[in-house]
Amino acid sequence: MSQARLDLGTWGEDQAVLYLQRQGLKIIERNFMTPVGEVDIISRTKKELIFVEVKTRRSNAYGTPAEAVGLRKQRQIIRAAQWYLAKTKISLQPRFDVIAVMPDCDGRARIEHLSAAFDLSEF
C-alpha cells in the first residue's frame, strides 16, 4: 500500500475519532489488533460498546467508502469484536458502525455515520 493511501486512511480515522468525540462517545481503543483482525475504533456510550470500521476514499469512482465494508469485512470485524469481548469481559451491548470519510474541496472531512450498520443476526 502506498504512503499516500496510508496517510489518507490515518487522516480519515483521525476525523472519525473527532466526530465520535463531538457526539459524546468515549474512545477506548484505536487500531485494536487481535489474532483474527483489527478494529479501527472501539468507543462506548453508557449502554453500548461500539466497534467502528472507518473507510476513507478520495472519490466515489469505485463506489462509496461505506460500500467497501462488505460481508467478508463485516465477518472479520465481528470475529475481532468477539475476541475483544471475551478478553475484556465488558458487558455492554455491542454495536457495529461504519464511518465513511471523504475530503471535500477545501480539505475538510465529509462524514457519513452508519450507526448499527450490521449486526450479529446477519451471520
PDB file of N, CA and C in Angstrom:
ATOM      1  N   MET A   1       0.847  -1.176   0.000  1.00  0.00           N
ATOM      2  CA  MET A   1       0.000   0.000   0.000  1.00  0.00           C
ATOM      3  C   MET A   1       0.894   1.241   0.000  1.00  0.00           C
ATOM      4  N   SER A   2       0.523   2.231  -0.782  1.00  0.00           N
ATOM      5  CA  SER A   2       1.355   3.428  -0.903  1.00  0.00           C
ATOM      6  C   SER A   2       1.267   4.300   0.350  1.00  0.00           C
ATOM      7  N   GLN A   3       2.276   5.118   0.540  1.00  0.00           N
ATOM      8  CA  GLN A   3       2.279   6.029   1.689  1.00  0.00           C
ATOM      9  C   GLN A   3       1.108   7.002   1.610  1.00  0.00           C
ATOM     10  N   ALA A   4       0.762   7.442   0.406  1.00  0.00           N
ATOM     11  CA  ALA A   4      -0.369   8.368   0.244  1.00  0.00           C
ATOM     12  C   ALA A   4      -1.670   7.731   0.725  1.00  0.00           C
ATOM     13  N   ARG A   5      -1.874   6.450   0.407  1.00  0.00           N
ATOM     14  CA  ARG A   5      -3.087   5.757   0.865  1.00  0.00           C
ATOM     15  C   ARG A   5      -3.074   5.568   2.377  1.00  0.00           C
ATOM     16  N   LEU A   6      -1.910   5.231   2.926  1.00  0.00           N
ATOM     17  CA  LEU A   6      -1.802   5.095   4.383  1.00  0.00           C
ATOM     18  C   LEU A   6      -2.098   6.418   5.071  1.00  0.00           C
ATOM     19  N   ASP A   7      -1.552   7.503   4.531  1.00  0.00           N
ATOM     20  CA  ASP A   7      -1.785   8.831   5.107  1.00  0.00           C
ATOM     21  C   ASP A   7      -3.260   9.210   5.031  1.00  0.00           C
ATOM     22  N   LEU A   8      -3.914   8.904   3.901  1.00  0.00           N
ATOM     23  CA  LEU A   8      -5.342   9.192   3.760  1.00  0.00           C
ATOM     24  C   LEU A   8      -6.149   8.407   4.780  1.00  0.00           C
ATOM     25  N   GLY A   9      -5.819   7.138   4.964  1.00  0.00           N
ATOM     26  CA  GLY A   9      -6.519   6.315   5.947  1.00  0.00           C
ATOM     27  C   GLY A   9      -6.346   6.828   7.365  1.00  0.00           C
ATOM     28  N   THR A  10      -5.136   7.231   7.711  1.00  0.00           N
ATOM     29  CA  THR A  10      -4.880   7.785   9.043  1.00  0.00           C
ATOM     30  C   THR A  10      -5.660   9.087   9.239  1.00  0.00           C
ATOM     31  N   TRP A  11      -5.653   9.946   8.221  1.00  0.00           N
ATOM     32  CA  TRP A  11      -6.411  11.193   8.287  1.00  0.00           C
ATOM     33  C   TRP A  11      -7.898  10.892   8.497  1.00  0.00           C
ATOM     34  N   GLY A  12      -8.430   9.930   7.760  1.00  0.00           N
ATOM     35  CA  GLY A  12      -9.844   9.569   7.897  1.00  0.00           C
ATOM     36  C   GLY A  12     -10.173   9.058   9.288  1.00  0.00           C
ATOM     37  N   GLU A  13      -9.317   8.219   9.843  1.00  0.00           N
ATOM     38  CA  GLU A  13      -9.544   7.715  11.195  1.00  0.00           C
ATOM     39  C   GLU A  13      -9.470   8.842  12.218  1.00  0.00           C
ATOM     40  N   ASP A  14      -8.534   9.759  12.046  1.00  0.00           N
ATOM     41  CA  ASP A  14      -8.454  10.919  12.948  1.00  0.00           C
ATOM     42  C   ASP A  14      -9.742  11.735  12.888  1.00  0.00           C
ATOM     43  N   GLN A  15     -10.271  11.937  11.679  1.00  0.00           N
ATOM     44  CA  GLN A  15     -11.517  12.696  11.519  1.00  0.00           C
ATOM     45  C   GLN A  15     -12.687  11.957  12.162  1.00  0.00           C
ATOM     46  N   ALA A  16     -12.708  10.634  12.031  1.00  0.00           N
ATOM     47  CA  ALA A  16     -13.772   9.832  12.638  1.00  0.00           C
ATOM     48  C   ALA A  16     -13.723   9.918  14.160  1.00  0.00           C
ATOM     49  N   VAL A  17     -12.527   9.871  14.729  1.00  0.00           N
ATOM     50  CA  VAL A  17     -12.377   9.995  16.186  1.00  0.00           C
ATOM     51  C   VAL A  17     -12.911  11.347  16.658  1.00  0.00           C
ATOM     52  N   LEU A  18     -12.519  12.418  15.983  1.00  0.00           N
ATOM     53  CA  LEU A  18     -13.011  13.751  16.357  1.00  0.00           C
ATOM     54  C   LEU A  18     -14.529  13.816  16.267  1.00  0.00           C
ATOM     55  N   TYR A  19     -15.087  13.248  15.215  1.00  0.00           N
ATOM     56  CA  TYR A  19     -16.535  13.220  15.031  1.00  0.00           C
ATOM     57  C   TYR A  19     -17.213  12.473  16.189  1.00  0.00           C
ATOM     58  N   LEU A  20     -16.719  11.289  16.521  1.00  0.00           N
ATOM     59  CA  LEU A  20     -17.314  10.496  17.601  1.00  0.00           C
ATOM     60  C   LEU A  20     -17.215  11.223  18.936  1.00  0.00           C
ATOM     61  N   GLN A  21     -16.087  11.860  19.195  1.00  0.00           N
ATOM     62  CA  GLN A  21     -15.936  12.610  20.443  1.00  0.00           C
ATOM     63  C   GLN A  21     -16.925  13.769  20.500  1.00  0.00           C
ATOM     64  N   ARG A  22     -17.148  14.444  19.377  1.00  0.00           N
ATOM     65  CA  ARG A  22     -18.139  15.524  19.350  1.00  0.00           C
ATOM     66  C   ARG A  22     -19.547  14.997  19.589  1.00  0.00           C
ATOM     67  N   GLN A  23     -19.771  13.714  19.275  1.00  0.00           N
ATOM     68  CA  GLN A  23     -21.081  13.097  19.518  1.00  0.00           C
ATOM     69  C   GLN A  23     -21.213  12.621  20.971  1.00  0.00           C
ATOM     70  N   GLY A  24     -20.164  12.782  21.757  1.00  0.00           N
ATOM     71  CA  GLY A  24     -20.204  12.412  23.168  1.00  0.00           C
ATOM     72  C   GLY A  24     -19.739  10.998  23.469  1.00  0.00           C
ATOM     73  N   LEU A  25     -19.173  10.308  22.496  1.00  0.00           N
ATOM     74  CA  LEU A  25     -18.686   8.959  22.736  1.00  0.00           C
ATOM     75  C   LEU A  25     -17.276   8.997  23.297  1.00  0.00           C
ATOM     76  N   LYS A  26     -16.976   8.018  24.118  1.00  0.00           N
ATOM     77  CA  LYS A  26     -15.631   7.889  24.674  1.00  0.00           C
ATOM     78  C   LYS A  26     -14.853   6.894  23.811  1.00  0.00           C
ATOM     79  N   ILE A  27     -13.660   7.276  23.400  1.00  0.00           N
ATOM     80  CA  ILE A  27     -12.807   6.392  22.601  1.00  0.00           C
ATOM     81  C   ILE A  27     -12.008   5.511  23.557  1.00  0.00           C
ATOM     82  N   ILE A  28     -12.134   4.209  23.383  1.00  0.00           N
ATOM     83  CA  ILE A  28     -11.433   3.247  24.239  1.00  0.00           C
ATOM     84  C   ILE A  28     -10.149   2.756  23.570  1.00  0.00           C
ATOM     85  N   GLU A  29     -10.243   2.424  22.280  1.00  0.00           N
ATOM     86  CA  GLU A  29      -9.098   1.872  21.545  1.00  0.00           C
ATOM     87  C   GLU A  29      -9.100   2.416  20.118  1.00  0.00           C
ATOM     88  N   ARG A  30      -7.903   2.485  19.543  1.00  0.00           N
ATOM     89  CA  ARG A  30      -7.736   2.772  18.115  1.00  0.00           C
ATOM     90  C   ARG A  30      -6.837   1.698  17.536  1.00  0.00           C
ATOM     91  N   ASN A  31      -7.178   1.249  16.359  1.00  0.00           N
ATOM     92  CA  ASN A  31      -6.399   0.233  15.657  1.00  0.00           C
ATOM     93  C   ASN A  31      -6.096  -0.956  16.565  1.00  0.00           C
ATOM     94  N   PHE A  32      -7.151  -1.496  17.150  1.00  0.00           N
ATOM     95  CA  PHE A  32      -7.013  -2.616  18.082  1.00  0.00           C
ATOM     96  C   PHE A  32      -6.796  -3.902  17.301  1.00  0.00           C
ATOM     97  N   MET A  33      -5.627  -4.496  17.494  1.00  0.00           N
ATOM     98  CA  MET A  33      -5.256  -5.721  16.790  1.00  0.00           C
ATOM     99  C   MET A  33      -5.582  -6.953  17.631  1.00  0.00           C
ATOM    100  N   THR A  34      -6.186  -7.928  16.996  1.00  0.00           N
ATOM    101  CA  THR A  34      -6.439  -9.225  17.614  1.00  0.00           C
ATOM    102  C   THR A  34      -5.806 -10.284  16.715  1.00  0.00           C
ATOM    103  N   PRO A  35      -5.735 -11.514  17.177  1.00  0.00           N
ATOM    104  CA  PRO A  35      -5.228 -12.578  16.299  1.00  0.00           C
ATOM    105  C   PRO A  35      -6.116 -12.800  15.063  1.00  0.00           C
ATOM    106  N   VAL A  36      -7.361 -12.333  15.105  1.00  0.00           N
ATOM    107  CA  VAL A  36      -8.285 -12.569  13.989  1.00  0.00           C
ATOM    108  C   VAL A  36      -8.581 -11.316  13.174  1.00  0.00           C
ATOM    109  N   GLY A  37      -7.940 -10.200  13.485  1.00  0.00           N
ATOM    110  CA  GLY A  37      -8.143  -8.993  12.700  1.00  0.00           C
ATOM    111  C   GLY A  37      -8.080  -7.739  13.539  1.00  0.00           C
ATOM    112  N   GLU A  38      -8.344  -6.628  12.883  1.00  0.00           N
ATOM    113  CA  GLU A  38      -8.232  -5.313  13.509  1.00  0.00           C
ATOM    114  C   GLU A  38      -9.592  -4.623  13.566  1.00  0.00           C
ATOM    115  N   VAL A  39      -9.780  -3.820  14.610  1.00  0.00           N
ATOM    116  CA  VAL A  39     -10.925  -2.925  14.710  1.00  0.00           C
ATOM    117  C   VAL A  39     -10.357  -1.506  14.710  1.00  0.00           C
ATOM    118  N   ASP A  40     -10.851  -0.665  13.798  1.00  0.00           N
ATOM    119  CA  ASP A  40     -10.305   0.686  13.670  1.00  0.00           C
ATOM    120  C   ASP A  40     -10.492   1.501  14.941  1.00  0.00           C
ATOM    121  N   ILE A  41     -11.730   1.528  15.453  1.00  0.00           N
ATOM    122  CA  ILE A  41     -12.029   2.310  16.652  1.00  0.00           C
ATOM    123  C   ILE A  41     -13.000   1.519  17.519  1.00  0.00           C
ATOM    124  N   ILE A  42     -12.735   1.498  18.809  1.00  0.00           N
ATOM    125  CA  ILE A  42     -13.689   0.963  19.774  1.00  0.00           C
ATOM    126  C   ILE A  42     -14.064   2.124  20.679  1.00  0.00           C
ATOM    127  N   SER A  43     -15.354   2.411  20.743  1.00  0.00           N
ATOM    128  CA  SER A  43     -15.839   3.514  21.565  1.00  0.00           C
ATOM    129  C   SER A  43     -17.009   3.013  22.406  1.00  0.00           C
ATOM    130  N   ARG A  44     -17.507   3.905  23.261  1.00  0.00           N
ATOM    131  CA  ARG A  44     -18.606   3.469  24.118  1.00  0.00           C
ATOM    132  C   ARG A  44     -19.510   4.620  24.500  1.00  0.00           C
ATOM    133  N   THR A  45     -20.735   4.233  24.801  1.00  0.00           N
ATOM    134  CA  THR A  45     -21.691   5.099  25.474  1.00  0.00           C
ATOM    135  C   THR A  45     -21.921   4.442  26.830  1.00  0.00           C
ATOM    136  N   LYS A  46     -22.891   4.909  27.567  1.00  0.00           N
ATOM    137  CA  LYS A  46     -23.175   4.273  28.854  1.00  0.00           C
ATOM    138  C   LYS A  46     -23.724   2.864  28.686  1.00  0.00           C
ATOM    139  N   LYS A  47     -24.387   2.607  27.546  1.00  0.00           N
ATOM    140  CA  LYS A  47     -25.052   1.323  27.353  1.00  0.00           C
ATOM    141  C   LYS A  47     -24.445   0.448  26.264  1.00  0.00           C
ATOM    142  N   GLU A  48     -23.649   1.039  25.361  1.00  0.00           N
ATOM    143  CA  GLU A  48     -23.175   0.287  24.209  1.00  0.00           C
ATOM    144  C   GLU A  48     -21.660   0.359  24.043  1.00  0.00           C
ATOM    145  N   LEU A  49     -21.117  -0.732  23.551  1.00  0.00           N
ATOM    146  CA  LEU A  49     -19.722  -0.801  23.137  1.00  0.00           C
ATOM    147  C   LEU A  49     -19.744  -0.825  21.614  1.00  0.00           C
ATOM    148  N   ILE A  50     -19.134   0.167  20.995  1.00  0.00           N
ATOM    149  CA  ILE A  50     -19.290   0.381  19.563  1.00  0.00           C
ATOM    150  C   ILE A  50     -17.980   0.076  18.843  1.00  0.00           C
ATOM    151  N   PHE A  51     -18.061  -0.872  17.920  1.00  0.00           N
ATOM    152  CA  PHE A  51     -16.935  -1.260  17.083  1.00  0.00           C
ATOM    153  C   PHE A  51     -17.115  -0.534  15.753  1.00  0.00           C
ATOM    154  N   VAL A  52     -16.150   0.305  15.414  1.00  0.00           N
ATOM    155  CA  VAL A  52     -16.298   1.197  14.262  1.00  0.00           C
ATOM    156  C   VAL A  52     -15.275   0.848  13.184  1.00  0.00           C
ATOM    157  N   GLU A  53     -15.786   0.638  11.984  1.00  0.00           N
ATOM    158  CA  GLU A  53     -14.928   0.490  10.804  1.00  0.00           C
ATOM    159  C   GLU A  53     -14.947   1.818  10.067  1.00  0.00           C
ATOM    160  N   VAL A  54     -13.766   2.353   9.801  1.00  0.00           N
ATOM    161  CA  VAL A  54     -13.643   3.627   9.095  1.00  0.00           C
ATOM    162  C   VAL A  54     -13.144   3.350   7.681  1.00  0.00           C
ATOM    163  N   LYS A  55     -13.836   3.884   6.694  1.00  0.00           N
ATOM    164  CA  LYS A  55     -13.400   3.779   5.301  1.00  0.00           C
ATOM    165  C   LYS A  55     -13.266   5.185   4.741  1.00  0.00           C
ATOM    166  N   THR A  56     -12.105   5.478   4.191  1.00  0.00           N
ATOM    167  CA  THR A  56     -11.817   6.795   3.631  1.00  0.00           C
ATOM    168  C   THR A  56     -11.489   6.634   2.161  1.00  0.00           C
ATOM    169  N   ARG A  57     -12.118   7.456   1.360  1.00  0.00           N
ATOM    170  CA  ARG A  57     -11.853   7.460  -0.084  1.00  0.00           C
ATOM    171  C   ARG A  57     -11.745   8.898  -0.556  1.00  0.00           C
ATOM    172  N   ARG A  58     -11.013   9.107  -1.630  1.00  0.00           N
ATOM    173  CA  ARG A  58     -10.905  10.443  -2.223  1.00  0.00           C
ATOM    174  C   ARG A  58     -12.108  10.778  -3.094  1.00  0.00           C
ATOM    175  N   SER A  59     -12.757   9.741  -3.661  1.00  0.00           N
ATOM    176  CA  SER A  59     -13.911   9.956  -4.530  1.00  0.00           C
ATOM    177  C   SER A  59     -14.795   8.711  -4.504  1.00  0.00           C
ATOM    178  N   ASN A  60     -15.929   8.809  -5.189  1.00  0.00           N
ATOM    179  CA  ASN A  60     -16.840   7.674  -5.304  1.00  0.00           C
ATOM    180  C   ASN A  60     -16.616   6.899  -6.605  1.00  0.00           C
ATOM    181  N   ALA A  61     -15.492   7.108  -7.241  1.00  0.00           N
ATOM    182  CA  ALA A  61     -15.226   6.485  -8.542  1.00  0.00           C
ATOM    183  C   ALA A  61     -15.341   4.958  -8.495  1.00  0.00           C
ATOM    184  N   TYR A  62     -14.989   4.358  -7.388  1.00  0.00           N
ATOM    185  CA  TYR A  62     -15.076   2.908  -7.235  1.00  0.00           C
ATOM    186  C   TYR A  62     -16.124   2.520  -6.203  1.00  0.00           C
ATOM    187  N   GLY A  63     -17.116   3.364  -6.020  1.00  0.00           N
ATOM    188  CA  GLY A  63     -18.150   3.142  -5.016  1.00  0.00           C
ATOM    189  C   GLY A  63     -17.902   4.004  -3.798  1.00  0.00           C
ATOM    190  N   THR A  64     -18.911   4.104  -2.971  1.00  0.00           N
ATOM    191  CA  THR A  64     -18.780   4.916  -1.767  1.00  0.00           C
ATOM    192  C   THR A  64     -17.881   4.206  -0.766  1.00  0.00           C
ATOM    193  N   PRO A  65     -17.319   4.950   0.172  1.00  0.00           N
ATOM    194  CA  PRO A  65     -16.499   4.290   1.199  1.00  0.00           C
ATOM    195  C   PRO A  65     -17.278   3.226   1.967  1.00  0.00           C
ATOM    196  N   ALA A  66     -18.525   3.510   2.304  1.00  0.00           N
ATOM    197  CA  ALA A  66     -19.323   2.549   3.079  1.00  0.00           C
ATOM    198  C   ALA A  66     -19.554   1.250   2.313  1.00  0.00           C
ATOM    199  N   GLU A  67     -19.646   1.334   0.989  1.00  0.00           N
ATOM    200  CA  GLU A  67     -19.853   0.124   0.181  1.00  0.00           C
ATOM    201  C   GLU A  67     -18.663  -0.818   0.236  1.00  0.00           C
ATOM    202  N   ALA A  68     -17.527  -0.313   0.659  1.00  0.00           N
ATOM    203  CA  ALA A  68     -16.324  -1.143   0.752  1.00  0.00           C
ATOM    204  C   ALA A  68     -16.349  -2.077   1.963  1.00  0.00           C
ATOM    205  N   VAL A  69     -17.328  -1.916   2.828  1.00  0.00           N
ATOM    206  CA  VAL A  69     -17.435  -2.780   4.011  1.00  0.00           C
ATOM    207  C   VAL A  69     -18.426  -3.892   3.678  1.00  0.00           C
ATOM    208  N   GLY A  70     -17.932  -4.879   2.954  1.00  0.00           N
ATOM    209  CA  GLY A  70     -18.765  -5.996   2.528  1.00  0.00           C
ATOM    210  C   GLY A  70     -18.887  -7.069   3.596  1.00  0.00           C
ATOM    211  N   LEU A  71     -19.524  -8.171   3.235  1.00  0.00           N
ATOM    212  CA  LEU A  71     -19.763  -9.257   4.190  1.00  0.00           C
ATOM    213  C   LEU A  71     -18.474  -9.843   4.754  1.00  0.00           C
ATOM    214  N   ARG A  72     -17.467  -9.991   3.912  1.00  0.00           N
ATOM    215  CA  ARG A  72     -16.191 -10.539   4.398  1.00  0.00           C
ATOM    216  C   ARG A  72     -15.597  -9.642   5.489  1.00  0.00           C
ATOM    217  N   LYS A  73     -15.586  -8.336   5.253  1.00  0.00           N
ATOM    218  CA  LYS A  73     -15.046  -7.390   6.234  1.00  0.00           C
ATOM    219  C   LYS A  73     -15.916  -7.370   7.489  1.00  0.00           C
ATOM    220  N   GLN A  74     -17.224  -7.441   7.325  1.00  0.00           N
ATOM    221  CA  GLN A  74     -18.124  -7.463   8.475  1.00  0.00           C
ATOM    222  C   GLN A  74     -17.839  -8.679   9.358  1.00  0.00           C
ATOM    223  N   ARG A  75     -17.665  -9.836   8.727  1.00  0.00           N
ATOM    224  CA  ARG A  75     -17.359 -11.056   9.499  1.00  0.00           C
ATOM    225  C   ARG A  75     -16.041 -10.903  10.270  1.00  0.00           C
ATOM    226  N   GLN A  76     -15.044 -10.309   9.623  1.00  0.00           N
ATOM    227  CA  GLN A  76     -13.740 -10.111  10.280  1.00  0.00           C
ATOM    228  C   GLN A  76     -13.889  -9.187  11.481  1.00  0.00           C
ATOM    229  N   ILE A  77     -14.667  -8.129  11.346  1.00  0.00           N
ATOM    230  CA  ILE A  77     -14.873  -7.192  12.450  1.00  0.00           C
ATOM    231  C   ILE A  77     -15.622  -7.871  13.593  1.00  0.00           C
ATOM    232  N   ILE A  78     -16.627  -8.663  13.261  1.00  0.00           N
ATOM    233  CA  ILE A  78     -17.378  -9.382  14.297  1.00  0.00           C
ATOM    234  C   ILE A  78     -16.474 -10.363  15.033  1.00  0.00           C
ATOM    235  N   ARG A  79     -15.632 -11.089  14.308  1.00  0.00           N
ATOM    236  CA  ARG A  79     -14.699 -12.022  14.976  1.00  0.00           C
ATOM    237  C   ARG A  79     -13.742 -11.273  15.901  1.00  0.00           C
ATOM    238  N   ALA A  80     -13.223 -10.148  15.449  1.00  0.00           N
ATOM    239  CA  ALA A  80     -12.321  -9.353  16.289  1.00  0.00           C
ATOM    240  C   ALA A  80     -13.074  -8.807  17.510  1.00  0.00           C
ATOM    241  N   ALA A  81     -14.316  -8.394  17.320  1.00  0.00           N
ATOM    242  CA  ALA A  81     -15.127  -7.891  18.440  1.00  0.00           C
ATOM    243  C   ALA A  81     -15.398  -9.000  19.450  1.00  0.00           C
ATOM    244  N   GLN A  82     -15.701 -10.198  18.976  1.00  0.00           N
ATOM    245  CA  GLN A  82     -15.932 -11.321  19.888  1.00  0.00           C
ATOM    246  C   GLN A  82     -14.668 -11.623  20.692  1.00  0.00           C
ATOM    247  N   TRP A  83     -13.531 -11.561  20.045  1.00  0.00           N
ATOM    248  CA  TRP A  83     -12.257 -11.776  20.735  1.00  0.00           C
ATOM    249  C   TRP A  83     -12.067 -10.709  21.806  1.00  0.00           C
ATOM    250  N   TYR A  84     -12.315  -9.449  21.446  1.00  0.00           N
ATOM    251  CA  TYR A  84     -12.165  -8.343  22.385  1.00  0.00           C
ATOM    252  C   TYR A  84     -13.101  -8.514  23.584  1.00  0.00           C
ATOM    253  N   LEU A  85     -14.362  -8.857  23.316  1.00  0.00           N
ATOM    254  CA  LEU A  85     -15.339  -9.023  24.395  1.00  0.00           C
ATOM    255  C   LEU A  85     -14.947 -10.168  25.331  1.00  0.00           C
ATOM    256  N   ALA A  86     -14.460 -11.265  24.783  1.00  0.00           N
ATOM    257  CA  ALA A  86     -14.034 -12.391  25.617  1.00  0.00           C
ATOM    258  C   ALA A  86     -12.831 -12.019  26.471  1.00  0.00           C
ATOM    259  N   LYS A  87     -11.928 -11.225  25.908  1.00  0.00           N
ATOM    260  CA  LYS A  87     -10.712 -10.826  26.624  1.00  0.00           C
ATOM    261  C   LYS A  87     -11.010  -9.824  27.732  1.00  0.00           C
ATOM    262  N   THR A  88     -11.894  -8.855  27.468  1.00  0.00           N
ATOM    263  CA  THR A  88     -12.106  -7.761  28.412  1.00  0.00           C
ATOM    264  C   THR A  88     -13.258  -7.992  29.382  1.00  0.00           C
ATOM    265  N   LYS A  89     -14.157  -8.901  29.055  1.00  0.00           N
ATOM    266  CA  LYS A  89     -15.331  -9.187  29.898  1.00  0.00           C
ATOM    267  C   LYS A  89     -16.236  -7.968  30.084  1.00  0.00           C
ATOM    268  N   ILE A  90     -16.216  -7.034  29.136  1.00  0.00           N
ATOM    269  CA  ILE A  90     -17.105  -5.874  29.181  1.00  0.00           C
ATOM    270  C   ILE A  90     -18.506  -6.350  28.830  1.00  0.00           C
ATOM    271  N   SER A  91     -19.488  -5.932  29.622  1.00  0.00           N
ATOM    272  CA  SER A  91     -20.846  -6.447  29.440  1.00  0.00           C
ATOM    273  C   SER A  91     -21.795  -5.453  28.775  1.00  0.00           C
ATOM    274  N   LEU A  92     -21.268  -4.485  28.062  1.00  0.00           N
ATOM    275  CA  LEU A  92     -22.126  -3.552  27.336  1.00  0.00           C
ATOM    276  C   LEU A  92     -22.651  -4.205  26.055  1.00  0.00           C
ATOM    277  N   GLN A  93     -23.764  -3.696  25.564  1.00  0.00           N
ATOM    278  CA  GLN A  93     -24.343  -4.185  24.308  1.00  0.00           C
ATOM    279  C   GLN A  93     -23.428  -3.799  23.146  1.00  0.00           C
ATOM    280  N   PRO A  94     -22.975  -4.768  22.339  1.00  0.00           N
ATOM    281  CA  PRO A  94     -22.122  -4.405  21.201  1.00  0.00           C
ATOM    282  C   PRO A  94     -22.938  -3.811  20.047  1.00  0.00           C
ATOM    283  N   ARG A  95     -22.311  -2.914  19.317  1.00  0.00           N
ATOM    284  CA  ARG A  95     -22.909  -2.306  18.124  1.00  0.00           C
ATOM    285  C   ARG A  95     -21.802  -2.157  17.089  1.00  0.00           C
ATOM    286  N   PHE A  96     -22.163  -2.299  15.822  1.00  0.00           N
ATOM    287  CA  PHE A  96     -21.198  -2.227  14.736  1.00  0.00           C
ATOM    288  C   PHE A  96     -21.557  -1.075  13.809  1.00  0.00           C
ATOM    289  N   ASP A  97     -20.699  -0.068  13.780  1.00  0.00           N
ATOM    290  CA  ASP A  97     -20.920   1.126  12.971  1.00  0.00           C
ATOM    291  C   ASP A  97     -19.895   1.201  11.845  1.00  0.00           C
ATOM    292  N   VAL A  98     -20.267   1.931  10.818  1.00  0.00           N
ATOM    293  CA  VAL A  98     -19.339   2.257   9.738  1.00  0.00           C
ATOM    294  C   VAL A  98     -19.325   3.775   9.612  1.00  0.00           C
ATOM    295  N   ILE A  99     -18.123   4.329   9.537  1.00  0.00           N
ATOM    296  CA  ILE A  99     -17.978   5.760   9.282  1.00  0.00           C
ATOM    297  C   ILE A  99     -17.237   5.906   7.955  1.00  0.00           C
ATOM    298  N   ALA A 100     -17.913   6.562   7.018  1.00  0.00           N
ATOM    299  CA  ALA A 100     -17.341   6.830   5.699  1.00  0.00           C
ATOM    300  C   ALA A 100     -16.838   8.268   5.685  1.00  0.00           C
ATOM    301  N   VAL A 101     -15.604   8.436   5.252  1.00  0.00           N
ATOM    302  CA  VAL A 101     -14.972   9.759   5.255  1.00  0.00           C
ATOM    303  C   VAL A 101     -14.464  10.070   3.853  1.00  0.00           C
ATOM    304  N   MET A 102     -14.762  11.288   3.413  1.00  0.00           N
ATOM    305  CA  MET A 102     -14.208  11.785   2.144  1.00  0.00           C
ATOM    306  C   MET A 102     -13.791  13.226   2.342  1.00  0.00           C
ATOM    307  N   PRO A 103     -12.621  13.600   1.819  1.00  0.00           N
ATOM    308  CA  PRO A 103     -12.230  15.012   1.898  1.00  0.00           C
ATOM    309  C   PRO A 103     -13.040  15.829   0.890  1.00  0.00           C
ATOM    310  N   ASP A 104     -13.475  17.030   1.302  1.00  0.00           N
ATOM    311  CA  ASP A 104     -14.132  17.897   0.328  1.00  0.00           C
ATOM    312  C   ASP A 104     -13.085  18.834  -0.279  1.00  0.00           C
ATOM    313  N   CYS A 105     -13.511  19.732  -1.148  1.00  0.00           N
ATOM    314  CA  CYS A 105     -12.561  20.535  -1.922  1.00  0.00           C
ATOM    315  C   CYS A 105     -11.698  21.455  -1.063  1.00  0.00           C
ATOM    316  N   ASP A 106     -12.138  21.811   0.133  1.00  0.00           N
ATOM    317  CA  ASP A 106     -11.314  22.674   0.981  1.00  0.00           C
ATOM    318  C   ASP A 106     -10.549  21.901   2.057  1.00  0.00           C
ATOM    319  N   GLY A 107     -10.522  20.565   1.927  1.00  0.00           N
ATOM    320  CA  GLY A 107      -9.720  19.753   2.831  1.00  0.00           C
ATOM    321  C   GLY A 107     -10.426  19.306   4.093  1.00  0.00           C
ATOM    322  N   ARG A 108     -11.650  19.734   4.281  1.00  0.00           N
ATOM    323  CA  ARG A 108     -12.401  19.264   5.446  1.00  0.00           C
ATOM    324  C   ARG A 108     -13.016  17.899   5.158  1.00  0.00           C
ATOM    325  N   ALA A 109     -13.417  17.225   6.210  1.00  0.00           N
ATOM    326  CA  ALA A 109     -13.967  15.879   6.068  1.00  0.00           C
ATOM    327  C   ALA A 109     -15.483  15.913   5.904  1.00  0.00           C
ATOM    328  N   ARG A 110     -15.959  15.152   4.928  1.00  0.00           N
ATOM    329  CA  ARG A 110     -17.394  14.856   4.823  1.00  0.00           C
ATOM    330  C   ARG A 110     -17.569  13.479   5.440  1.00  0.00           C
ATOM    331  N   ILE A 111     -18.413  13.416   6.451  1.00  0.00           N
ATOM    332  CA  ILE A 111     -18.566  12.178   7.218  1.00  0.00           C
ATOM    333  C   ILE A 111     -19.996  11.668   7.104  1.00  0.00           C
ATOM    334  N   GLU A 112     -20.091  10.369   6.803  1.00  0.00           N
ATOM    335  CA  GLU A 112     -21.374   9.667   6.832  1.00  0.00           C
ATOM    336  C   GLU A 112     -21.247   8.588   7.902  1.00  0.00           C
ATOM    337  N   HIS A 113     -22.115   8.654   8.911  1.00  0.00           N
ATOM    338  CA  HIS A 113     -22.064   7.709  10.020  1.00  0.00           C
ATOM    339  C   HIS A 113     -23.242   6.747   9.896  1.00  0.00           C
ATOM    340  N   LEU A 114     -22.936   5.486   9.678  1.00  0.00           N
ATOM    341  CA  LEU A 114     -23.966   4.451   9.604  1.00  0.00           C
ATOM    342  C   LEU A 114     -23.977   3.715  10.936  1.00  0.00           C
ATOM    343  N   SER A 115     -24.855   4.153  11.809  1.00  0.00           N
ATOM    344  CA  SER A 115     -24.982   3.548  13.132  1.00  0.00           C
ATOM    345  C   SER A 115     -25.680   2.197  12.988  1.00  0.00           C
ATOM    346  N   ALA A 116     -25.175   1.196  13.698  1.00  0.00           N
ATOM    347  CA  ALA A 116     -25.724  -0.161  13.616  1.00  0.00           C
ATOM    348  C   ALA A 116     -25.798  -0.604  12.153  1.00  0.00           C
ATOM    349  N   ALA A 117     -24.697  -0.432  11.436  1.00  0.00           N
ATOM    350  CA  ALA A 117     -24.635  -0.764  10.010  1.00  0.00           C
ATOM    351  C   ALA A 117     -24.840  -2.249   9.745  1.00  0.00           C
ATOM    352  N   PHE A 118     -24.434  -3.069  10.681  1.00  0.00           N
ATOM    353  CA  PHE A 118     -24.654  -4.525  10.590  1.00  0.00           C
ATOM    354  C   PHE A 118     -24.658  -5.075  12.000  1.00  0.00           C
ATOM    355  N   ASP A 119     -25.134  -6.319  12.148  1.00  0.00           N
ATOM    356  CA  ASP A 119     -25.147  -6.916  13.475  1.00  0.00           C
ATOM    357  C   ASP A 119     -24.938  -8.426  13.378  1.00  0.00           C
ATOM    358  N   LEU A 120     -24.912  -9.068  14.527  1.00  0.00           N
ATOM    359  CA  LEU A 120     -24.622 -10.495  14.593  1.00  0.00           C
ATOM    360  C   LEU A 120     -25.699 -11.337  13.944  1.00  0.00           C
ATOM    361  N   SER A 121     -26.927 -10.847  13.898  1.00  0.00           N
ATOM    362  CA  SER A 121     -28.035 -11.643  13.346  1.00  0.00           C
ATOM    363  C   SER A 121     -27.877 -11.880  11.847  1.00  0.00           C
ATOM    364  N   GLU A 122     -27.043 -11.102  11.185  1.00  0.00           N
ATOM    365  CA  GLU A 122     -26.861 -11.248   9.745  1.00  0.00           C
ATOM    366  C   GLU A 122     -25.937 -12.417   9.408  1.00  0.00           C
ATOM    367  N   PHE A 123     -25.310 -13.047  10.424  1.00  0.00           N
ATOM    368  CA  PHE A 123     -24.341 -14.111  10.148  1.00  0.00           C
ATOM    369  C   PHE A 123     -24.723 -15.385  10.832  1.00  0.00           C
TER     370      PHE A 123
END
